[in-house]
Amino acid sequence: MTSEIQPEVRHNTEQTRFEIWVGDEMAGFTEYRPRPDLRAFVHTEIQDKFGGRGLAMRVIREALDTTKADGLGLLPYCPAVRKFLTKNPEYVELVPVERRSEFEL
């Protein structure tokens, strides 16, 4: 019986993105642009061969948890991050109130 390798999320501050790794292979990432007191999430990508496993939602969840823990807000320019927010409304509080309508939140 083989145990499946658990994905691991890593914060790559040099490339301003959160990466999700499966073993020694990067399966995907969610990328952000640092702003004063905010992270503007701009793009999320998962390699095709890792698709359908919920890895995008996992890397986004961990990225947003870290953003919150760092005391930062978020701007969800990335469609995948906006989709995550609609399914997990408890994270909408990270988006500044005055910017929420811009993202239809």
PDB file of N, CA and C in Angstrom:
ATOM      1  N   MET A   1       0.833  -1.178   0.000  1.00  0.00           N
ATOM      2  CA  MET A   1       0.000   0.000   0.000  1.00  0.00           C
ATOM      3  C   MET A   1       0.881   1.245   0.000  1.00  0.00           C
ATOM      4  N   THR A   2       0.640   2.123  -0.986  1.00  0.00           N
ATOM      5  CA  THR A   2       1.430   3.350  -1.046  1.00  0.00           C
ATOM      6  C   THR A   2       0.595   4.504  -0.509  1.00  0.00           C
ATOM      7  N   SER A   3       1.248   5.375   0.211  1.00  0.00           N
ATOM      8  CA  SER A   3       0.536   6.556   0.706  1.00  0.00           C
ATOM      9  C   SER A   3       0.777   7.693  -0.278  1.00  0.00           C
ATOM     10  N   GLU A   4      -0.285   8.427  -0.555  1.00  0.00           N
ATOM     11  CA  GLU A   4      -0.165   9.533  -1.496  1.00  0.00           C
ATOM     12  C   GLU A   4       0.621  10.663  -0.842  1.00  0.00           C
ATOM     13  N   ILE A   5       1.470  11.298  -1.626  1.00  0.00           N
ATOM     14  CA  ILE A   5       2.263  12.416  -1.127  1.00  0.00           C
ATOM     15  C   ILE A   5       1.324  13.593  -0.850  1.00  0.00           C
ATOM     16  N   GLN A   6       1.421  14.136   0.342  1.00  0.00           N
ATOM     17  CA  GLN A   6       0.583  15.279   0.714  1.00  0.00           C
ATOM     18  C   GLN A   6       1.141  16.562   0.095  1.00  0.00           C
ATOM     19  N   PRO A   7       0.293  17.331  -0.560  1.00  0.00           N
ATOM     20  CA  PRO A   7       0.765  18.602  -1.120  1.00  0.00           C
ATOM     21  C   PRO A   7       1.213  19.546  -0.004  1.00  0.00           C
ATOM     22  N   GLU A   8       2.183  20.377  -0.329  1.00  0.00           N
ATOM     23  CA  GLU A   8       2.730  21.325   0.636  1.00  0.00           C
ATOM     24  C   GLU A   8       2.723  22.712   0.000  1.00  0.00           C
ATOM     25  N   VAL A   9       2.214  23.696   0.734  1.00  0.00           N
ATOM     26  CA  VAL A   9       2.214  25.083   0.250  1.00  0.00           C
ATOM     27  C   VAL A   9       3.429  25.799   0.829  1.00  0.00           C
ATOM     28  N   ARG A  10       4.137  26.503  -0.046  1.00  0.00           N
ATOM     29  CA  ARG A  10       5.325  27.266   0.363  1.00  0.00           C
ATOM     30  C   ARG A  10       5.166  28.704  -0.107  1.00  0.00           C
ATOM     31  N   HIS A  11       5.562  29.651   0.751  1.00  0.00           N
ATOM     32  CA  HIS A  11       5.522  31.067   0.384  1.00  0.00           C
ATOM     33  C   HIS A  11       6.870  31.432  -0.221  1.00  0.00           C
ATOM     34  N   ASN A  12       6.870  31.697  -1.514  1.00  0.00           N
ATOM     35  CA  ASN A  12       8.086  32.097  -2.225  1.00  0.00           C
ATOM     36  C   ASN A  12       8.084  33.623  -2.293  1.00  0.00           C
ATOM     37  N   THR A  13       8.703  34.258  -1.294  1.00  0.00           N
ATOM     38  CA  THR A  13       8.665  35.717  -1.219  1.00  0.00           C
ATOM     39  C   THR A  13       9.457  36.373  -2.346  1.00  0.00           C
ATOM     40  N   GLU A  14      10.520  35.719  -2.832  1.00  0.00           N
ATOM     41  CA  GLU A  14      11.310  36.295  -3.924  1.00  0.00           C
ATOM     42  C   GLU A  14      10.484  36.444  -5.199  1.00  0.00           C
ATOM     43  N   GLN A  15       9.612  35.471  -5.470  1.00  0.00           N
ATOM     44  CA  GLN A  15       8.782  35.518  -6.678  1.00  0.00           C
ATOM     45  C   GLN A  15       7.348  35.973  -6.369  1.00  0.00           C
ATOM     46  N   THR A  16       7.129  36.456  -5.166  1.00  0.00           N
ATOM     47  CA  THR A  16       5.833  36.946  -4.690  1.00  0.00           C
ATOM     48  C   THR A  16       4.689  36.021  -5.103  1.00  0.00           C
ATOM     49  N   ARG A  17       4.796  34.793  -4.622  1.00  0.00           N
ATOM     50  CA  ARG A  17       3.731  33.831  -4.881  1.00  0.00           C
ATOM     51  C   ARG A  17       3.757  32.732  -3.831  1.00  0.00           C
ATOM     52  N   PHE A  18       2.601  32.101  -3.702  1.00  0.00           N
ATOM     53  CA  PHE A  18       2.479  30.908  -2.873  1.00  0.00           C
ATOM     54  C   PHE A  18       2.439  29.729  -3.828  1.00  0.00           C
ATOM     55  N   GLU A  19       3.316  28.763  -3.596  1.00  0.00           N
ATOM     56  CA  GLU A  19       3.438  27.606  -4.485  1.00  0.00           C
ATOM     57  C   GLU A  19       2.900  26.368  -3.777  1.00  0.00           C
ATOM     58  N   ILE A  20       2.317  25.465  -4.558  1.00  0.00           N
ATOM     59  CA  ILE A  20       1.883  24.181  -4.008  1.00  0.00           C
ATOM     60  C   ILE A  20       2.738  23.098  -4.654  1.00  0.00           C
ATOM     61  N   TRP A  21       3.365  22.329  -3.809  1.00  0.00           N
ATOM     62  CA  TRP A  21       4.293  21.280  -4.239  1.00  0.00           C
ATOM     63  C   TRP A  21       3.716  19.914  -3.922  1.00  0.00           C
ATOM     64  N   VAL A  22       3.917  18.987  -4.847  1.00  0.00           N
ATOM     65  CA  VAL A  22       3.581  17.586  -4.639  1.00  0.00           C
ATOM     66  C   VAL A  22       4.906  16.839  -4.788  1.00  0.00           C
ATOM     67  N   GLY A  23       5.430  16.389  -3.660  1.00  0.00           N
ATOM     68  CA  GLY A  23       6.765  15.789  -3.687  1.00  0.00           C
ATOM     69  C   GLY A  23       7.776  16.867  -4.066  1.00  0.00           C
ATOM     70  N   ASP A  24       8.611  16.572  -5.073  1.00  0.00           N
ATOM     71  CA  ASP A  24       9.630  17.539  -5.491  1.00  0.00           C
ATOM     72  C   ASP A  24       9.209  18.309  -6.749  1.00  0.00           C
ATOM     73  N   GLU A  25       7.914  18.321  -7.027  1.00  0.00           N
ATOM     74  CA  GLU A  25       7.416  18.996  -8.229  1.00  0.00           C
ATOM     75  C   GLU A  25       6.416  20.089  -7.859  1.00  0.00           C
ATOM     76  N   MET A  26       6.653  21.284  -8.406  1.00  0.00           N
ATOM     77  CA  MET A  26       5.714  22.365  -8.162  1.00  0.00           C
ATOM     78  C   MET A  26       4.483  22.132  -9.034  1.00  0.00           C
ATOM     79  N   ALA A  27       3.322  21.963  -8.378  1.00  0.00           N
ATOM     80  CA  ALA A  27       2.081  21.678  -9.097  1.00  0.00           C
ATOM     81  C   ALA A  27       1.396  22.953  -9.566  1.00  0.00           C
ATOM     82  N   GLY A  28       1.667  24.059  -8.890  1.00  0.00           N
ATOM     83  CA  GLY A  28       1.040  25.314  -9.272  1.00  0.00           C
ATOM     84  C   GLY A  28       1.347  26.409  -8.271  1.00  0.00           C
ATOM     85  N   PHE A  29       0.657  27.553  -8.457  1.00  0.00           N
ATOM     86  CA  PHE A  29       0.922  28.709  -7.598  1.00  0.00           C
ATOM     87  C   PHE A  29      -0.218  29.714  -7.701  1.00  0.00           C
ATOM     88  N   THR A  30      -0.260  30.613  -6.731  1.00  0.00           N
ATOM     89  CA  THR A  30      -1.074  31.812  -6.812  1.00  0.00           C
ATOM     90  C   THR A  30      -0.130  32.980  -6.574  1.00  0.00           C
ATOM     91  N   GLU A  31      -0.146  33.919  -7.494  1.00  0.00           N
ATOM     92  CA  GLU A  31       0.816  35.013  -7.533  1.00  0.00           C
ATOM     93  C   GLU A  31       0.160  36.307  -7.055  1.00  0.00           C
ATOM     94  N   TYR A  32       0.946  37.126  -6.377  1.00  0.00           N
ATOM     95  CA  TYR A  32       0.419  38.405  -5.889  1.00  0.00           C
ATOM     96  C   TYR A  32       1.420  39.522  -6.133  1.00  0.00           C
ATOM     97  N   ARG A  33       0.918  40.749  -6.037  1.00  0.00           N
ATOM     98  CA  ARG A  33       1.746  41.943  -6.088  1.00  0.00           C
ATOM     99  C   ARG A  33       1.639  42.625  -4.724  1.00  0.00           C
ATOM    100  N   PRO A  34       2.773  42.862  -4.079  1.00  0.00           N
ATOM    101  CA  PRO A  34       2.722  43.544  -2.780  1.00  0.00           C
ATOM    102  C   PRO A  34       2.261  44.996  -2.955  1.00  0.00           C
ATOM    103  N   ARG A  35       1.376  45.432  -2.082  1.00  0.00           N
ATOM    104  CA  ARG A  35       0.900  46.810  -2.021  1.00  0.00           C
ATOM    105  C   ARG A  35       0.979  47.226  -0.552  1.00  0.00           C
ATOM    106  N   PRO A  36       0.957  48.526  -0.279  1.00  0.00           N
ATOM    107  CA  PRO A  36       0.968  48.933   1.136  1.00  0.00           C
ATOM    108  C   PRO A  36      -0.216  48.308   1.876  1.00  0.00           C
ATOM    109  N   ASP A  37       0.076  47.512   2.874  1.00  0.00           N
ATOM    110  CA  ASP A  37      -0.927  46.860   3.728  1.00  0.00           C
ATOM    111  C   ASP A  37      -1.794  45.831   2.995  1.00  0.00           C
ATOM    112  N   LEU A  38      -1.430  45.450   1.779  1.00  0.00           N
ATOM    113  CA  LEU A  38      -2.260  44.541   0.982  1.00  0.00           C
ATOM    114  C   LEU A  38      -1.404  43.589   0.163  1.00  0.00           C
ATOM    115  N   ARG A  39      -2.045  42.497  -0.269  1.00  0.00           N
ATOM    116  CA  ARG A  39      -1.505  41.655  -1.340  1.00  0.00           C
ATOM    117  C   ARG A  39      -2.567  41.644  -2.431  1.00  0.00           C
ATOM    118  N   ALA A  40      -2.176  42.021  -3.626  1.00  0.00           N
ATOM    119  CA  ALA A  40      -3.093  41.995  -4.775  1.00  0.00           C
ATOM    120  C   ALA A  40      -2.847  40.692  -5.523  1.00  0.00           C
ATOM    121  N   PHE A  41      -3.764  39.740  -5.390  1.00  0.00           N
ATOM    122  CA  PHE A  41      -3.612  38.440  -6.051  1.00  0.00           C
ATOM    123  C   PHE A  41      -4.017  38.586  -7.512  1.00  0.00           C
ATOM    124  N   VAL A  42      -3.099  38.204  -8.415  1.00  0.00           N
ATOM    125  CA  VAL A  42      -3.297  38.476  -9.835  1.00  0.00           C
ATOM    126  C   VAL A  42      -3.445  37.234 -10.708  1.00  0.00           C
ATOM    127  N   HIS A  43      -2.933  36.091 -10.261  1.00  0.00           N
ATOM    128  CA  HIS A  43      -2.963  34.919 -11.140  1.00  0.00           C
ATOM    129  C   HIS A  43      -2.786  33.645 -10.331  1.00  0.00           C
ATOM    130  N   THR A  44      -3.575  32.637 -10.670  1.00  0.00           N
ATOM    131  CA  THR A  44      -3.433  31.303 -10.073  1.00  0.00           C
ATOM    132  C   THR A  44      -3.344  30.303 -11.208  1.00  0.00           C
ATOM    133  N   GLU A  45      -2.436  29.365 -11.064  1.00  0.00           N
ATOM    134  CA  GLU A  45      -2.212  28.386 -12.134  1.00  0.00           C
ATOM    135  C   GLU A  45      -1.858  27.032 -11.524  1.00  0.00           C
ATOM    136  N   ILE A  46      -2.472  25.977 -12.052  1.00  0.00           N
ATOM    137  CA  ILE A  46      -2.154  24.599 -11.648  1.00  0.00           C
ATOM    138  C   ILE A  46      -1.806  23.843 -12.932  1.00  0.00           C
ATOM    139  N   GLN A  47      -0.715  23.087 -12.894  1.00  0.00           N
ATOM    140  CA  GLN A  47      -0.346  22.282 -14.063  1.00  0.00           C
ATOM    141  C   GLN A  47      -1.485  21.314 -14.399  1.00  0.00           C
ATOM    142  N   ASP A  48      -1.706  21.105 -15.693  1.00  0.00           N
ATOM    143  CA  ASP A  48      -2.787  20.220 -16.147  1.00  0.00           C
ATOM    144  C   ASP A  48      -2.755  18.858 -15.470  1.00  0.00           C
ATOM    145  N   LYS A  49      -1.568  18.285 -15.335  1.00  0.00           N
ATOM    146  CA  LYS A  49      -1.496  16.929 -14.781  1.00  0.00           C
ATOM    147  C   LYS A  49      -1.884  16.860 -13.308  1.00  0.00           C
ATOM    148  N   PHE A  50      -1.973  18.026 -12.637  1.00  0.00           N
ATOM    149  CA  PHE A  50      -2.389  18.062 -11.241  1.00  0.00           C
ATOM    150  C   PHE A  50      -3.816  18.588 -11.097  1.00  0.00           C
ATOM    151  N   GLY A  51      -4.491  18.816 -12.207  1.00  0.00           N
ATOM    152  CA  GLY A  51      -5.843  19.367 -12.179  1.00  0.00           C
ATOM    153  C   GLY A  51      -6.847  18.413 -11.551  1.00  0.00           C
ATOM    154  N   GLY A  52      -7.945  18.984 -11.082  1.00  0.00           N
ATOM    155  CA  GLY A  52      -9.037  18.182 -10.545  1.00  0.00           C
ATOM    156  C   GLY A  52      -8.823  17.642  -9.141  1.00  0.00           C
ATOM    157  N   ARG A  53      -7.786  18.100  -8.460  1.00  0.00           N
ATOM    158  CA  ARG A  53      -7.502  17.609  -7.104  1.00  0.00           C
ATOM    159  C   ARG A  53      -7.793  18.648  -6.023  1.00  0.00           C
ATOM    160  N   GLY A  54      -8.302  19.807  -6.442  1.00  0.00           N
ATOM    161  CA  GLY A  54      -8.572  20.873  -5.474  1.00  0.00           C
ATOM    162  C   GLY A  54      -7.341  21.633  -5.035  1.00  0.00           C
ATOM    163  N   LEU A  55      -6.250  21.503  -5.799  1.00  0.00           N
ATOM    164  CA  LEU A  55      -5.000  22.151  -5.382  1.00  0.00           C
ATOM    165  C   LEU A  55      -5.075  23.671  -5.483  1.00  0.00           C
ATOM    166  N   ALA A  56      -5.804  24.198  -6.465  1.00  0.00           N
ATOM    167  CA  ALA A  56      -5.926  25.663  -6.586  1.00  0.00           C
ATOM    168  C   ALA A  56      -6.598  26.228  -5.339  1.00  0.00           C
ATOM    169  N   MET A  57      -7.695  25.598  -4.927  1.00  0.00           N
ATOM    170  CA  MET A  57      -8.402  26.091  -3.746  1.00  0.00           C
ATOM    171  C   MET A  57      -7.538  25.947  -2.488  1.00  0.00           C
ATOM    172  N   ARG A  58      -6.741  24.891  -2.438  1.00  0.00           N
ATOM    173  CA  ARG A  58      -5.882  24.697  -1.260  1.00  0.00           C
ATOM    174  C   ARG A  58      -4.789  25.761  -1.193  1.00  0.00           C
ATOM    175  N   VAL A  59      -4.119  26.035  -2.320  1.00  0.00           N
ATOM    176  CA  VAL A  59      -3.047  27.034  -2.293  1.00  0.00           C
ATOM    177  C   VAL A  59      -3.627  28.418  -2.012  1.00  0.00           C
ATOM    178  N   ILE A  60      -4.816  28.694  -2.543  1.00  0.00           N
ATOM    179  CA  ILE A  60      -5.449  29.996  -2.276  1.00  0.00           C
ATOM    180  C   ILE A  60      -5.814  30.105  -0.799  1.00  0.00           C
ATOM    181  N   ARG A  61      -6.413  29.057  -0.236  1.00  0.00           N
ATOM    182  CA  ARG A  61      -6.788  29.087   1.189  1.00  0.00           C
ATOM    183  C   ARG A  61      -5.557  29.367   2.059  1.00  0.00           C
ATOM    184  N   GLU A  62      -4.486  28.657   1.816  1.00  0.00           N
ATOM    185  CA  GLU A  62      -3.289  28.846   2.644  1.00  0.00           C
ATOM    186  C   GLU A  62      -2.672  30.221   2.414  1.00  0.00           C
ATOM    187  N   ALA A  63      -2.722  30.710   1.175  1.00  0.00           N
ATOM    188  CA  ALA A  63      -2.203  32.053   0.879  1.00  0.00           C
ATOM    189  C   ALA A  63      -3.008  33.115   1.624  1.00  0.00           C
ATOM    190  N   LEU A  64      -4.331  32.955   1.637  1.00  0.00           N
ATOM    191  CA  LEU A  64      -5.170  33.929   2.322  1.00  0.00           C
ATOM    192  C   LEU A  64      -5.029  33.820   3.838  1.00  0.00           C
ATOM    193  N   ASP A  65      -4.861  32.598   4.350  1.00  0.00           N
ATOM    194  CA  ASP A  65      -4.619  32.433   5.785  1.00  0.00           C
ATOM    195  C   ASP A  65      -3.320  33.134   6.187  1.00  0.00           C
ATOM    196  N   THR A  66      -2.287  32.997   5.370  1.00  0.00           N
ATOM    197  CA  THR A  66      -1.002  33.648   5.659  1.00  0.00           C
ATOM    198  C   THR A  66      -1.135  35.163   5.540  1.00  0.00           C
ATOM    199  N   THR A  67      -1.858  35.611   4.529  1.00  0.00           N
ATOM    200  CA  THR A  67      -2.073  37.050   4.353  1.00  0.00           C
ATOM    201  C   THR A  67      -2.765  37.630   5.583  1.00  0.00           C
ATOM    202  N   LYS A  68      -3.784  36.936   6.078  1.00  0.00           N
ATOM    203  CA  LYS A  68      -4.498  37.384   7.277  1.00  0.00           C
ATOM    204  C   LYS A  68      -3.560  37.374   8.479  1.00  0.00           C
ATOM    205  N   ALA A  69      -2.801  36.295   8.648  1.00  0.00           N
ATOM    206  CA  ALA A  69      -1.873  36.191   9.778  1.00  0.00           C
ATOM    207  C   ALA A  69      -0.805  37.285   9.734  1.00  0.00           C
ATOM    208  N   ASP A  70      -0.448  37.716   8.525  1.00  0.00           N
ATOM    209  CA  ASP A  70       0.541  38.786   8.356  1.00  0.00           C
ATOM    210  C   ASP A  70      -0.074  40.170   8.579  1.00  0.00           C
ATOM    211  N   GLY A  71      -1.384  40.207   8.851  1.00  0.00           N
ATOM    212  CA  GLY A  71      -2.043  41.478   9.111  1.00  0.00           C
ATOM    213  C   GLY A  71      -2.298  42.302   7.858  1.00  0.00           C
ATOM    214  N   LEU A  72      -2.370  41.615   6.703  1.00  0.00           N
ATOM    215  CA  LEU A  72      -2.556  42.304   5.438  1.00  0.00           C
ATOM    216  C   LEU A  72      -3.951  42.073   4.885  1.00  0.00           C
ATOM    217  N   GLY A  73      -4.381  42.997   4.038  1.00  0.00           N
ATOM    218  CA  GLY A  73      -5.630  42.830   3.312  1.00  0.00           C
ATOM    219  C   GLY A  73      -5.349  42.210   1.959  1.00  0.00           C
ATOM    220  N   LEU A  74      -6.431  42.078   1.166  1.00  0.00           N
ATOM    221  CA  LEU A  74      -6.273  41.415  -0.123  1.00  0.00           C
ATOM    222  C   LEU A  74      -7.126  42.085  -1.188  1.00  0.00           C
ATOM    223  N   LEU A  75      -6.589  42.093  -2.397  1.00  0.00           N
ATOM    224  CA  LEU A  75      -7.326  42.543  -3.576  1.00  0.00           C
ATOM    225  C   LEU A  75      -7.383  41.348  -4.525  1.00  0.00           C
ATOM    226  N   PRO A  76      -8.581  40.800  -4.766  1.00  0.00           N
ATOM    227  CA  PRO A  76      -8.706  39.567  -5.551  1.00  0.00           C
ATOM    228  C   PRO A  76      -8.892  39.822  -7.057  1.00  0.00           C
ATOM    229  N   TYR A  77      -7.835  40.270  -7.728  1.00  0.00           N
ATOM    230  CA  TYR A  77      -7.911  40.461  -9.180  1.00  0.00           C
ATOM    231  C   TYR A  77      -8.015  39.127  -9.912  1.00  0.00           C
ATOM    232  N   CYS A  78      -7.418  38.089  -9.347  1.00  0.00           N
ATOM    233  CA  CYS A  78      -7.434  36.755  -9.955  1.00  0.00           C
ATOM    234  C   CYS A  78      -8.844  36.157  -9.869  1.00  0.00           C
ATOM    235  N   PRO A  79      -9.398  35.687 -11.009  1.00  0.00           N
ATOM    236  CA  PRO A  79     -10.736  35.078 -10.987  1.00  0.00           C
ATOM    237  C   PRO A  79     -10.848  33.884 -10.040  1.00  0.00           C
ATOM    238  N   ALA A  80      -9.797  33.082  -9.917  1.00  0.00           N
ATOM    239  CA  ALA A  80      -9.846  31.919  -9.016  1.00  0.00           C
ATOM    240  C   ALA A  80      -9.936  32.361  -7.560  1.00  0.00           C
ATOM    241  N   VAL A  81      -9.264  33.445  -7.222  1.00  0.00           N
ATOM    242  CA  VAL A  81      -9.333  33.954  -5.845  1.00  0.00           C
ATOM    243  C   VAL A  81     -10.730  34.519  -5.585  1.00  0.00           C
ATOM    244  N   ARG A  82     -11.308  35.234  -6.553  1.00  0.00           N
ATOM    245  CA  ARG A  82     -12.683  35.732  -6.385  1.00  0.00           C
ATOM    246  C   ARG A  82     -13.665  34.571  -6.216  1.00  0.00           C
ATOM    247  N   LYS A  83     -13.482  33.514  -7.007  1.00  0.00           N
ATOM    248  CA  LYS A  83     -14.354  32.337  -6.892  1.00  0.00           C
ATOM    249  C   LYS A  83     -14.217  31.726  -5.496  1.00  0.00           C
ATOM    250  N   PHE A  84     -13.001  31.626  -5.002  1.00  0.00           N
ATOM    251  CA  PHE A  84     -12.771  31.105  -3.654  1.00  0.00           C
ATOM    252  C   PHE A  84     -13.535  31.947  -2.632  1.00  0.00           C
ATOM    253  N   LEU A  85     -13.491  33.270  -2.779  1.00  0.00           N
ATOM    254  CA  LEU A  85     -14.157  34.164  -1.835  1.00  0.00           C
ATOM    255  C   LEU A  85     -15.672  33.973  -1.852  1.00  0.00           C
ATOM    256  N   THR A  86     -16.247  33.707  -3.018  1.00  0.00           N
ATOM    257  CA  THR A  86     -17.698  33.507  -3.083  1.00  0.00           C
ATOM    258  C   THR A  86     -18.104  32.208  -2.381  1.00  0.00           C
ATOM    259  N   LYS A  87     -17.201  31.225  -2.385  1.00  0.00           N
ATOM    260  CA  LYS A  87     -17.496  29.950  -1.732  1.00  0.00           C
ATOM    261  C   LYS A  87     -17.087  29.936  -0.262  1.00  0.00           C
ATOM    262  N   ASN A  88     -16.268  30.904   0.139  1.00  0.00           N
ATOM    263  CA  ASN A  88     -15.756  30.985   1.510  1.00  0.00           C
ATOM    264  C   ASN A  88     -15.894  32.425   2.003  1.00  0.00           C
ATOM    265  N   PRO A  89     -17.124  32.866   2.251  1.00  0.00           N
ATOM    266  CA  PRO A  89     -17.364  34.281   2.544  1.00  0.00           C
ATOM    267  C   PRO A  89     -16.651  34.809   3.792  1.00  0.00           C
ATOM    268  N   GLU A  90     -16.204  33.903   4.656  1.00  0.00           N
ATOM    269  CA  GLU A  90     -15.489  34.363   5.852  1.00  0.00           C
ATOM    270  C   GLU A  90     -14.178  35.077   5.503  1.00  0.00           C
ATOM    271  N   TYR A  91     -13.676  34.886   4.267  1.00  0.00           N
ATOM    272  CA  TYR A  91     -12.433  35.544   3.850  1.00  0.00           C
ATOM    273  C   TYR A  91     -12.673  36.928   3.235  1.00  0.00           C
ATOM    274  N   VAL A  92     -13.929  37.263   2.934  1.00  0.00           N
ATOM    275  CA  VAL A  92     -14.229  38.557   2.306  1.00  0.00           C
ATOM    276  C   VAL A  92     -13.786  39.710   3.200  1.00  0.00           C
ATOM    277  N   GLU A  93     -13.759  39.477   4.512  1.00  0.00           N
ATOM    278  CA  GLU A  93     -13.325  40.529   5.441  1.00  0.00           C
ATOM    279  C   GLU A  93     -11.911  41.023   5.143  1.00  0.00           C
ATOM    280  N   LEU A  94     -11.108  40.237   4.427  1.00  0.00           N
ATOM    281  CA  LEU A  94      -9.746  40.656   4.080  1.00  0.00           C
ATOM    282  C   LEU A  94      -9.730  41.731   2.990  1.00  0.00           C
ATOM    283  N   VAL A  95     -10.809  41.823   2.229  1.00  0.00           N
ATOM    284  CA  VAL A  95     -10.897  42.827   1.168  1.00  0.00           C
ATOM    285  C   VAL A  95     -11.386  44.126   1.803  1.00  0.00           C
ATOM    286  N   PRO A  96     -10.649  45.244   1.606  1.00  0.00           N
ATOM    287  CA  PRO A  96     -11.101  46.510   2.198  1.00  0.00           C
ATOM    288  C   PRO A  96     -12.546  46.813   1.802  1.00  0.00           C
ATOM    289  N   VAL A  97     -13.338  47.254   2.767  1.00  0.00           N
ATOM    290  CA  VAL A  97     -14.764  47.490   2.554  1.00  0.00           C
ATOM    291  C   VAL A  97     -14.996  48.375   1.335  1.00  0.00           C
ATOM    292  N   GLU A  98     -14.205  49.431   1.203  1.00  0.00           N
ATOM    293  CA  GLU A  98     -14.415  50.384   0.108  1.00  0.00           C
ATOM    294  C   GLU A  98     -14.029  49.819  -1.267  1.00  0.00           C
ATOM    295  N   ARG A  99     -13.409  48.674  -1.301  1.00  0.00           N
ATOM    296  CA  ARG A  99     -12.995  48.062  -2.581  1.00  0.00           C
ATOM    297  C   ARG A  99     -13.859  46.853  -2.959  1.00  0.00           C
ATOM    298  N   ARG A 100     -14.730  46.379  -2.062  1.00  0.00           N
ATOM    299  CA  ARG A 100     -15.475  45.143  -2.304  1.00  0.00           C
ATOM    300  C   ARG A 100     -16.370  45.206  -3.533  1.00  0.00           C
ATOM    301  N   SER A 101     -17.038  46.321  -3.763  1.00  0.00           N
ATOM    302  CA  SER A 101     -17.937  46.419  -4.916  1.00  0.00           C
ATOM    303  C   SER A 101     -17.167  46.299  -6.232  1.00  0.00           C
ATOM    304  N   GLU A 102     -15.922  46.733  -6.227  1.00  0.00           N
ATOM    305  CA  GLU A 102     -15.055  46.617  -7.404  1.00  0.00           C
ATOM    306  C   GLU A 102     -14.901  45.144  -7.840  1.00  0.00           C
ATOM    307  N   PHE A 103     -14.980  44.247  -6.870  1.00  0.00           N
ATOM    308  CA  PHE A 103     -14.806  42.818  -7.121  1.00  0.00           C
ATOM    309  C   PHE A 103     -16.123  42.054  -6.995  1.00  0.00           C
ATOM    310  N   GLU A 104     -17.229  42.790  -6.956  1.00  0.00           N
ATOM    311  CA  GLU A 104     -18.573  42.218  -6.841  1.00  0.00           C
ATOM    312  C   GLU A 104     -18.723  41.344  -5.602  1.00  0.00           C
ATOM    313  N   LEU A 105     -18.187  41.828  -4.508  1.00  0.00           N
ATOM    314  CA  LEU A 105     -18.257  41.103  -3.227  1.00  0.00           C
ATOM    315  C   LEU A 105     -19.183  41.831  -2.260  1.00  0.00           C
TER     316      LEU A 105
END
